[in-house]
C-alpha atoms as a PDB file:
ATOM      1  CA  UNK A   1      -9.779  -9.970 -18.785  1.00  0.00           C
ATOM      2  CA  UNK A   2      -8.502  -7.200 -20.529  1.00  0.00           C
ATOM      3  CA  UNK A   3      -4.769  -7.403 -21.708  1.00  0.00           C
ATOM      4  CA  UNK A   4      -2.662  -4.670 -22.634  1.00  0.00           C
ATOM      5  CA  UNK A   5       0.574  -4.757 -24.571  1.00  0.00           C
ATOM      6  CA  UNK A   6       2.308  -2.149 -24.896  1.00  0.00           C
ATOM      7  CA  UNK A   7       5.620  -1.353 -27.671  1.00  0.00           C
ATOM      8  CA  UNK A   8       7.715   1.520 -28.618  1.00  0.00           C
ATOM      9  CA  UNK A   9       9.552   2.742 -25.525  1.00  0.00           C
ATOM     10  CA  UNK A  10      13.763   2.977 -25.731  1.00  0.00           C
ATOM     11  CA  UNK A  11      16.579   4.965 -25.576  1.00  0.00           C
ATOM     12  CA  UNK A  12      16.750   8.425 -26.751  1.00  0.00           C
ATOM     13  CA  UNK A  13      18.836  11.713 -27.120  1.00  0.00           C
ATOM     14  CA  UNK A  14      16.944  14.630 -25.669  1.00  0.00           C
ATOM     15  CA  UNK A  15      14.880  16.324 -28.843  1.00  0.00           C
ATOM     16  CA  UNK A  16      14.549  13.045 -29.615  1.00  0.00           C
ATOM     17  CA  UNK A  17      10.849  11.606 -30.833  1.00  0.00           C
ATOM     18  CA  UNK A  18       9.643   8.130 -29.825  1.00  0.00           C
ATOM     19  CA  UNK A  19       6.166   6.618 -30.172  1.00  0.00           C
ATOM     20  CA  UNK A  20       4.506   4.315 -28.068  1.00  0.00           C
ATOM     21  CA  UNK A  21       1.484   1.334 -28.998  1.00  0.00           C
ATOM     22  CA  UNK A  22      -0.850  -0.560 -27.115  1.00  0.00           C
ATOM     23  CA  UNK A  23      -2.908  -3.153 -28.127  1.00  0.00           C
ATOM     24  CA  UNK A  24      -5.764  -4.424 -26.332  1.00  0.00           C
ATOM     25  CA  UNK A  25      -7.125  -7.671 -26.289  1.00  0.00           C
ATOM     26  CA  UNK A  26      -9.367 -10.428 -24.250  1.00  0.00           C
ATOM     27  CA  UNK A  27     -12.111  -8.124 -24.422  1.00  0.00           C
ATOM     28  CA  UNK A  28     -15.415  -9.828 -22.695  1.00  0.00           C
ATOM     29  CA  UNK A  29     -17.563 -11.017 -25.209  1.00  0.00           C
ATOM     30  CA  UNK A  30     -20.405  -7.867 -24.695  1.00  0.00           C
ATOM     31  CA  UNK A  31     -17.366  -5.321 -25.017  1.00  0.00           C
ATOM     32  CA  UNK A  32     -15.650  -3.570 -27.353  1.00  0.00           C
ATOM     33  CA  UNK A  33     -12.811  -1.319 -27.308  1.00  0.00           C
ATOM     34  CA  UNK A  34     -14.578   1.486 -27.209  1.00  0.00           C
ATOM     35  CA  UNK A  35     -16.193   0.584 -23.960  1.00  0.00           C
ATOM     36  CA  UNK A  36     -13.225   2.142 -22.207  1.00  0.00           C
ATOM     37  CA  UNK A  37     -11.344   4.635 -21.168  1.00  0.00           C
ATOM     38  CA  UNK A  38      -7.524   4.616 -22.491  1.00  0.00           C
ATOM     39  CA  UNK A  39      -4.625   6.257 -20.882  1.00  0.00           C
ATOM     40  CA  UNK A  40      -0.919   6.302 -20.644  1.00  0.00           C
ATOM     41  CA  UNK A  41       0.635   6.737 -17.261  1.00  0.00           C
ATOM     42  CA  UNK A  42       4.302   6.652 -16.174  1.00  0.00           C
ATOM     43  CA  UNK A  43       6.650   6.308 -12.909  1.00  0.00           C
ATOM     44  CA  UNK A  44      10.056   7.565 -12.899  1.00  0.00           C
ATOM     45  CA  UNK A  45      12.043   6.002  -9.983  1.00  0.00           C
ATOM     46  CA  UNK A  46      11.372   6.742  -6.738  1.00  0.00           C
ATOM     47  CA  UNK A  47       8.654   8.679  -7.504  1.00  0.00           C
ATOM     48  CA  UNK A  48       4.249   7.861  -7.858  1.00  0.00           C
ATOM     49  CA  UNK A  49       2.603   6.934 -10.952  1.00  0.00           C
ATOM     50  CA  UNK A  50       1.045  10.059 -12.854  1.00  0.00           C
ATOM     51  CA  UNK A  51      -1.532   9.814 -15.475  1.00  0.00           C
ATOM     52  CA  UNK A  52       0.438  11.590 -18.424  1.00  0.00           C
ATOM     53  CA  UNK A  53      -2.712  11.528 -20.815  1.00  0.00           C
ATOM     54  CA  UNK A  54      -5.807  10.223 -21.735  1.00  0.00           C
ATOM     55  CA  UNK A  55      -8.513   9.948 -24.128  1.00  0.00           C
ATOM     56  CA  UNK A  56     -11.986   9.572 -24.336  1.00  0.00           C
ATOM     57  CA  UNK A  57     -13.742   5.924 -25.622  1.00  0.00           C
ATOM     58  CA  UNK A  58     -14.469   8.243 -28.787  1.00  0.00           C
ATOM     59  CA  UNK A  59     -11.259  10.034 -29.036  1.00  0.00           C
ATOM     60  CA  UNK A  60     -13.040  13.455 -28.812  1.00  0.00           C
ATOM     61  CA  UNK A  61     -11.465  14.072 -25.775  1.00  0.00           C
ATOM     62  CA  UNK A  62      -7.740  14.018 -24.322  1.00  0.00           C
ATOM     63  CA  UNK A  63      -6.127  15.534 -21.486  1.00  0.00           C
ATOM     64  CA  UNK A  64      -2.506  15.874 -21.120  1.00  0.00           C
ATOM     65  CA  UNK A  65      -0.121  16.541 -17.801  1.00  0.00           C
ATOM     66  CA  UNK A  66       1.017  20.365 -17.781  1.00  0.00           C
ATOM     67  CA  UNK A  67       4.331  18.874 -18.517  1.00  0.00           C
ATOM     68  CA  UNK A  68       3.792  17.025 -21.746  1.00  0.00           C
ATOM     69  CA  UNK A  69       1.678  19.585 -23.419  1.00  0.00           C
ATOM     70  CA  UNK A  70       2.830  20.429 -27.026  1.00  0.00           C
ATOM     71  CA  UNK A  71       5.134  17.680 -27.171  1.00  0.00           C
ATOM     72  CA  UNK A  72       2.597  14.495 -26.789  1.00  0.00           C
ATOM     73  CA  UNK A  73      -0.115  13.498 -28.668  1.00  0.00           C
ATOM     74  CA  UNK A  74      -2.484  10.556 -27.836  1.00  0.00           C
ATOM     75  CA  UNK A  75      -4.933   8.668 -29.920  1.00  0.00           C
ATOM     76  CA  UNK A  76      -6.488   5.402 -30.660  1.00  0.00           C
ATOM     77  CA  UNK A  77      -8.209   3.259 -33.150  1.00  0.00           C
ATOM     78  CA  UNK A  78     -11.290   1.447 -32.132  1.00  0.00           C
ATOM     79  CA  UNK A  79     -11.477  -0.756 -35.188  1.00  0.00           C
ATOM     80  CA  UNK A  80      -8.129  -2.086 -34.294  1.00  0.00           C
ATOM     81  CA  UNK A  81      -7.736  -1.864 -30.767  1.00  0.00           C
ATOM     82  CA  UNK A  82      -4.832   0.245 -30.372  1.00  0.00           C
ATOM     83  CA  UNK A  83      -3.701   3.388 -28.182  1.00  0.00           C
ATOM     84  CA  UNK A  84      -0.957   5.596 -29.454  1.00  0.00           C
ATOM     85  CA  UNK A  85       1.322   8.065 -27.631  1.00  0.00           C
ATOM     86  CA  UNK A  86       3.316   9.675 -30.602  1.00  0.00           C
ATOM     87  CA  UNK A  87       6.111  12.011 -27.736  1.00  0.00           C
ATOM     88  CA  UNK A  88       9.033  14.922 -29.408  1.00  0.00           C
ATOM     89  CA  UNK A  89      10.951  16.331 -28.215  1.00  0.00           C
ATOM     90  CA  UNK A  90      11.324  14.421 -25.436  1.00  0.00           C
ATOM     91  CA  UNK A  91      13.572  15.399 -22.180  1.00  0.00           C
ATOM     92  CA  UNK A  92      15.473  13.840 -19.812  1.00  0.00           C
ATOM     93  CA  UNK A  93      12.471  14.188 -16.897  1.00  0.00           C
ATOM     94  CA  UNK A  94      10.544  11.874 -19.042  1.00  0.00           C
ATOM     95  CA  UNK A  95      12.345   9.192 -18.392  1.00  0.00           C
ATOM     96  CA  UNK A  96      10.095   6.137 -16.968  1.00  0.00           C
ATOM     97  CA  UNK A  97       8.154   3.303 -17.094  1.00  0.00           C
ATOM     98  CA  UNK A  98       4.930   4.348 -19.182  1.00  0.00           C
ATOM     99  CA  UNK A  99       1.979   1.822 -18.804  1.00  0.00           C
ATOM    100  CA  UNK A 100      -0.894   1.361 -20.974  1.00  0.00           C
ATOM    101  CA  UNK A 101      -4.156   1.691 -18.914  1.00  0.00           C
ATOM    102  CA  UNK A 102      -8.336   0.729 -19.577  1.00  0.00           C
ATOM    103  CA  UNK A 103     -10.892   1.811 -17.077  1.00  0.00           C
ATOM    104  CA  UNK A 104     -14.232   0.464 -17.986  1.00  0.00           C
ATOM    105  CA  UNK A 105     -16.153   2.639 -15.730  1.00  0.00           C
ATOM    106  CA  UNK A 106     -16.208   5.129 -17.280  1.00  0.00           C
ATOM    107  CA  UNK A 107     -16.008   7.170 -21.056  1.00  0.00           C
ATOM    108  CA  UNK A 108     -13.367   9.505 -19.687  1.00  0.00           C
ATOM    109  CA  UNK A 109     -11.117   9.850 -16.820  1.00  0.00           C
ATOM    110  CA  UNK A 110      -7.539  11.582 -15.731  1.00  0.00           C
ATOM    111  CA  UNK A 111      -8.010   9.670 -12.012  1.00  0.00           C
ATOM    112  CA  UNK A 112      -5.083   7.220 -11.762  1.00  0.00           C
ATOM    113  CA  UNK A 113      -7.425   5.232  -9.328  1.00  0.00           C
ATOM    114  CA  UNK A 114     -10.141   4.910 -12.114  1.00  0.00           C
ATOM    115  CA  UNK A 115      -7.961   2.536 -14.413  1.00  0.00           C
ATOM    116  CA  UNK A 116      -9.016  -1.317 -13.471  1.00  0.00           C
ATOM    117  CA  UNK A 117      -6.284  -2.831 -16.442  1.00  0.00           C
ATOM    118  CA  UNK A 118      -2.639  -2.072 -17.121  1.00  0.00           C
ATOM    119  CA  UNK A 119       0.118  -3.591 -19.003  1.00  0.00           C
ATOM    120  CA  UNK A 120       3.736  -4.210 -18.418  1.00  0.00           C
ATOM    121  CA  UNK A 121       4.779  -1.290 -19.307  1.00  0.00           C
ATOM    122  CA  UNK A 122       7.736  -0.330 -21.822  1.00  0.00           C
ATOM    123  CA  UNK A 123      10.857   1.904 -20.548  1.00  0.00           C
ATOM    124  CA  UNK A 124      11.700   5.276 -21.951  1.00  0.00           C
ATOM    125  CA  UNK A 125      14.981   6.675 -21.562  1.00  0.00           C
ATOM    126  CA  UNK A 126      16.075   9.953 -22.609  1.00  0.00           C
ATOM    127  CA  UNK A 127      19.544  10.617 -22.174  1.00  0.00           C
ATOM    128  CA  UNK A 128      20.846  14.352 -22.027  1.00  0.00           C
END
């Protein structure tokens, strides 16, 4: 069972930066981290979950939802089983619980339903 643990959330003022990190463990013996497409999904109070950013197994393809383009950068280190999200110029509307997620059935996806494994989430709060 893949386990994902996020870190790096917190409270920051608008215009500030945060870096989220996710570490994967518990991979099956016949799987490696680069067998999974990875993504960051967020959910704000009263709103549905949305894929903020995702990255292909190799790291060569990325996706960003329109509202974060130019501000967020996703990256992965397959040797360390880690996924990062650098968030700059944060806005109050970025406030949400951020989840790290892994999709085992595809090399790259921005479709929420294709993510099989989820972390517990880390809270990001951006104040005015």
